Amino acid sequence: MSSSAARPAVAAAAPAVPAPDRLSVDAVVKEVLSGKFEVPAGDLVPDATLGSLDLDSLSLAELALALQEELGFKVEEHEAAKDTTVGELLMTLNAKRAAADTL
């Protein structure tokens, strides 16, 4: 009997964290805004501006960076400006995701 026959097959390990392209952009944006910036989920409506959610300029820069880290693609600070609505942010990031997926 060979020693290799006694060993069970080892399954490939699954990644500990799902790949960024598997996460919903909408879910990531809502999680970052409600988790990191403590914005109440009920305030996250499409026509709410980021400024109306009490995000100052430093918070907006941090938001762009946090979204970039979570989503895995560049999020420009001007894409998450005070006058940007939640709906506009979602449309922009979903379009960037779609463009990145086609590459």
C-alpha atoms as a PDB file:
ATOM      1  CA  MET A   1       0.000   0.000   0.000  1.00  0.00           C
ATOM      2  CA  SER A   2       1.517   3.292  -1.002  1.00  0.00           C
ATOM      3  CA  SER A   3       1.502   6.266   1.340  1.00  0.00           C
ATOM      4  CA  SER A   4      -0.165   8.483  -1.256  1.00  0.00           C
ATOM      5  CA  ALA A   5      -3.254   6.256  -1.320  1.00  0.00           C
ATOM      6  CA  ALA A   6      -3.850   6.866   2.386  1.00  0.00           C
ATOM      7  CA  ARG A   7      -3.932  10.651   2.031  1.00  0.00           C
ATOM      8  CA  PRO A   8      -7.271  12.304   1.300  1.00  0.00           C
ATOM      9  CA  ALA A   9      -7.452  14.679  -1.606  1.00  0.00           C
ATOM     10  CA  VAL A  10      -7.036  18.294  -0.554  1.00  0.00           C
ATOM     11  CA  ALA A  11      -9.637  20.658  -1.948  1.00  0.00           C
ATOM     12  CA  ALA A  12      -8.493  24.021  -3.196  1.00  0.00           C
ATOM     13  CA  ALA A  13      -8.999  26.641  -0.532  1.00  0.00           C
ATOM     14  CA  ALA A  14     -11.735  29.153  -1.229  1.00  0.00           C
ATOM     15  CA  PRO A  15     -10.731  32.793  -1.008  1.00  0.00           C
ATOM     16  CA  ALA A  16     -11.388  34.219   2.447  1.00  0.00           C
ATOM     17  CA  VAL A  17     -12.984  37.366   1.014  1.00  0.00           C
ATOM     18  CA  PRO A  18     -15.087  37.492  -2.146  1.00  0.00           C
ATOM     19  CA  ALA A  19     -13.433  39.208  -5.077  1.00  0.00           C
ATOM     20  CA  PRO A  20     -14.459  42.883  -5.327  1.00  0.00           C
ATOM     21  CA  ASP A  21     -16.185  42.283  -8.661  1.00  0.00           C
ATOM     22  CA  ARG A  22     -18.593  39.934  -6.885  1.00  0.00           C
ATOM     23  CA  LEU A  23     -19.840  42.593  -4.476  1.00  0.00           C
ATOM     24  CA  SER A  24     -22.810  44.749  -5.409  1.00  0.00           C
ATOM     25  CA  VAL A  25     -21.807  48.385  -5.871  1.00  0.00           C
ATOM     26  CA  ASP A  26     -25.061  49.452  -4.224  1.00  0.00           C
ATOM     27  CA  ALA A  27     -24.417  47.232  -1.203  1.00  0.00           C
ATOM     28  CA  VAL A  28     -20.838  48.494  -0.827  1.00  0.00           C
ATOM     29  CA  VAL A  29     -21.878  52.159  -1.023  1.00  0.00           C
ATOM     30  CA  LYS A  30     -24.671  51.649   1.510  1.00  0.00           C
ATOM     31  CA  GLU A  31     -22.418  49.668   3.843  1.00  0.00           C
ATOM     32  CA  VAL A  32     -19.629  52.263   3.725  1.00  0.00           C
ATOM     33  CA  LEU A  33     -22.006  55.186   4.255  1.00  0.00           C
ATOM     34  CA  SER A  34     -23.950  53.545   7.064  1.00  0.00           C
ATOM     35  CA  GLY A  35     -21.024  51.725   8.675  1.00  0.00           C
ATOM     36  CA  LYS A  36     -18.027  54.023   8.404  1.00  0.00           C
ATOM     37  CA  PHE A  37     -19.900  57.340   8.310  1.00  0.00           C
ATOM     38  CA  GLU A  38     -22.897  56.350  10.479  1.00  0.00           C
ATOM     39  CA  VAL A  39     -25.473  57.631   7.992  1.00  0.00           C
ATOM     40  CA  PRO A  40     -28.875  56.174   8.892  1.00  0.00           C
ATOM     41  CA  ALA A  41     -30.003  53.667   6.260  1.00  0.00           C
ATOM     42  CA  GLY A  42     -33.306  55.531   5.887  1.00  0.00           C
ATOM     43  CA  ASP A  43     -31.409  58.637   4.729  1.00  0.00           C
ATOM     44  CA  LEU A  44     -29.769  56.763   1.844  1.00  0.00           C
ATOM     45  CA  VAL A  45     -32.302  57.721  -0.809  1.00  0.00           C
ATOM     46  CA  PRO A  46     -31.373  58.376  -4.455  1.00  0.00           C
ATOM     47  CA  ASP A  47     -32.029  62.130  -4.360  1.00  0.00           C
ATOM     48  CA  ALA A  48     -30.095  62.813  -1.127  1.00  0.00           C
ATOM     49  CA  THR A  49     -26.878  64.718  -1.736  1.00  0.00           C
ATOM     50  CA  LEU A  50     -23.740  63.609   0.043  1.00  0.00           C
ATOM     51  CA  GLY A  51     -23.615  67.070   1.620  1.00  0.00           C
ATOM     52  CA  SER A  52     -27.136  66.624   3.010  1.00  0.00           C
ATOM     53  CA  LEU A  53     -25.860  63.463   4.739  1.00  0.00           C
ATOM     54  CA  ASP A  54     -23.532  65.680   6.822  1.00  0.00           C
ATOM     55  CA  LEU A  55     -20.375  64.629   4.995  1.00  0.00           C
ATOM     56  CA  ASP A  56     -17.794  67.417   5.003  1.00  0.00           C
ATOM     57  CA  SER A  57     -14.916  67.705   2.533  1.00  0.00           C
ATOM     58  CA  LEU A  58     -12.622  65.467   4.596  1.00  0.00           C
ATOM     59  CA  SER A  59     -15.359  62.839   4.930  1.00  0.00           C
ATOM     60  CA  LEU A  60     -15.946  62.948   1.173  1.00  0.00           C
ATOM     61  CA  ALA A  61     -12.250  62.337   0.495  1.00  0.00           C
ATOM     62  CA  GLU A  62     -12.335  59.433   2.959  1.00  0.00           C
ATOM     63  CA  LEU A  63     -15.499  58.125   1.272  1.00  0.00           C
ATOM     64  CA  ALA A  64     -13.830  58.092  -2.153  1.00  0.00           C
ATOM     65  CA  LEU A  65     -10.836  56.218  -0.712  1.00  0.00           C
ATOM     66  CA  ALA A  66     -12.991  53.717   1.211  1.00  0.00           C
ATOM     67  CA  LEU A  67     -15.098  53.000  -1.879  1.00  0.00           C
ATOM     68  CA  GLN A  68     -11.964  52.575  -3.977  1.00  0.00           C
ATOM     69  CA  GLU A  69     -10.549  50.076  -1.483  1.00  0.00           C
ATOM     70  CA  GLU A  70     -13.800  48.112  -1.273  1.00  0.00           C
ATOM     71  CA  LEU A  71     -14.645  48.121  -4.983  1.00  0.00           C
ATOM     72  CA  GLY A  72     -11.156  47.630  -6.388  1.00  0.00           C
ATOM     73  CA  PHE A  73     -11.211  50.484  -8.909  1.00  0.00           C
ATOM     74  CA  LYS A  74     -10.365  54.192  -8.803  1.00  0.00           C
ATOM     75  CA  VAL A  75     -13.032  56.471  -7.333  1.00  0.00           C
ATOM     76  CA  GLU A  76     -12.239  60.107  -7.996  1.00  0.00           C
ATOM     77  CA  GLU A  77     -13.000  62.665  -5.290  1.00  0.00           C
ATOM     78  CA  HIS A  78     -15.119  64.719  -7.722  1.00  0.00           C
ATOM     79  CA  GLU A  79     -17.346  61.670  -8.209  1.00  0.00           C
ATOM     80  CA  ALA A  80     -18.259  61.870  -4.513  1.00  0.00           C
ATOM     81  CA  ALA A  81     -18.722  65.632  -4.085  1.00  0.00           C
ATOM     82  CA  LYS A  82     -21.094  67.492  -1.742  1.00  0.00           C
ATOM     83  CA  ASP A  83     -23.628  68.074  -4.518  1.00  0.00           C
ATOM     84  CA  THR A  84     -23.470  64.485  -5.808  1.00  0.00           C
ATOM     85  CA  THR A  85     -26.645  62.566  -5.043  1.00  0.00           C
ATOM     86  CA  VAL A  86     -26.603  58.999  -3.790  1.00  0.00           C
ATOM     87  CA  GLY A  87     -28.304  57.990  -7.053  1.00  0.00           C
ATOM     88  CA  GLU A  88     -25.660  59.743  -9.171  1.00  0.00           C
ATOM     89  CA  LEU A  89     -22.876  58.114  -7.170  1.00  0.00           C
ATOM     90  CA  LEU A  90     -24.430  54.683  -7.674  1.00  0.00           C
ATOM     91  CA  MET A  91     -24.891  55.271 -11.415  1.00  0.00           C
ATOM     92  CA  THR A  92     -21.301  56.460 -11.805  1.00  0.00           C
ATOM     93  CA  LEU A  93     -19.810  53.564  -9.868  1.00  0.00           C
ATOM     94  CA  ASN A  94     -22.007  50.969 -11.570  1.00  0.00           C
ATOM     95  CA  ALA A  95     -20.913  52.354 -14.971  1.00  0.00           C
ATOM     96  CA  LYS A  96     -17.259  52.174 -13.907  1.00  0.00           C
ATOM     97  CA  ARG A  97     -17.780  48.591 -12.733  1.00  0.00           C
ATOM     98  CA  ALA A  98     -19.385  47.659 -16.060  1.00  0.00           C
ATOM     99  CA  ALA A  99     -16.532  49.277 -17.978  1.00  0.00           C
ATOM    100  CA  ALA A 100     -13.951  47.481 -15.852  1.00  0.00           C
ATOM    101  CA  ASP A 101     -15.752  44.163 -16.361  1.00  0.00           C
ATOM    102  CA  THR A 102     -15.511  44.475 -20.151  1.00  0.00           C
ATOM    103  CA  LEU A 103     -11.723  44.864 -20.129  1.00  0.00           C
END
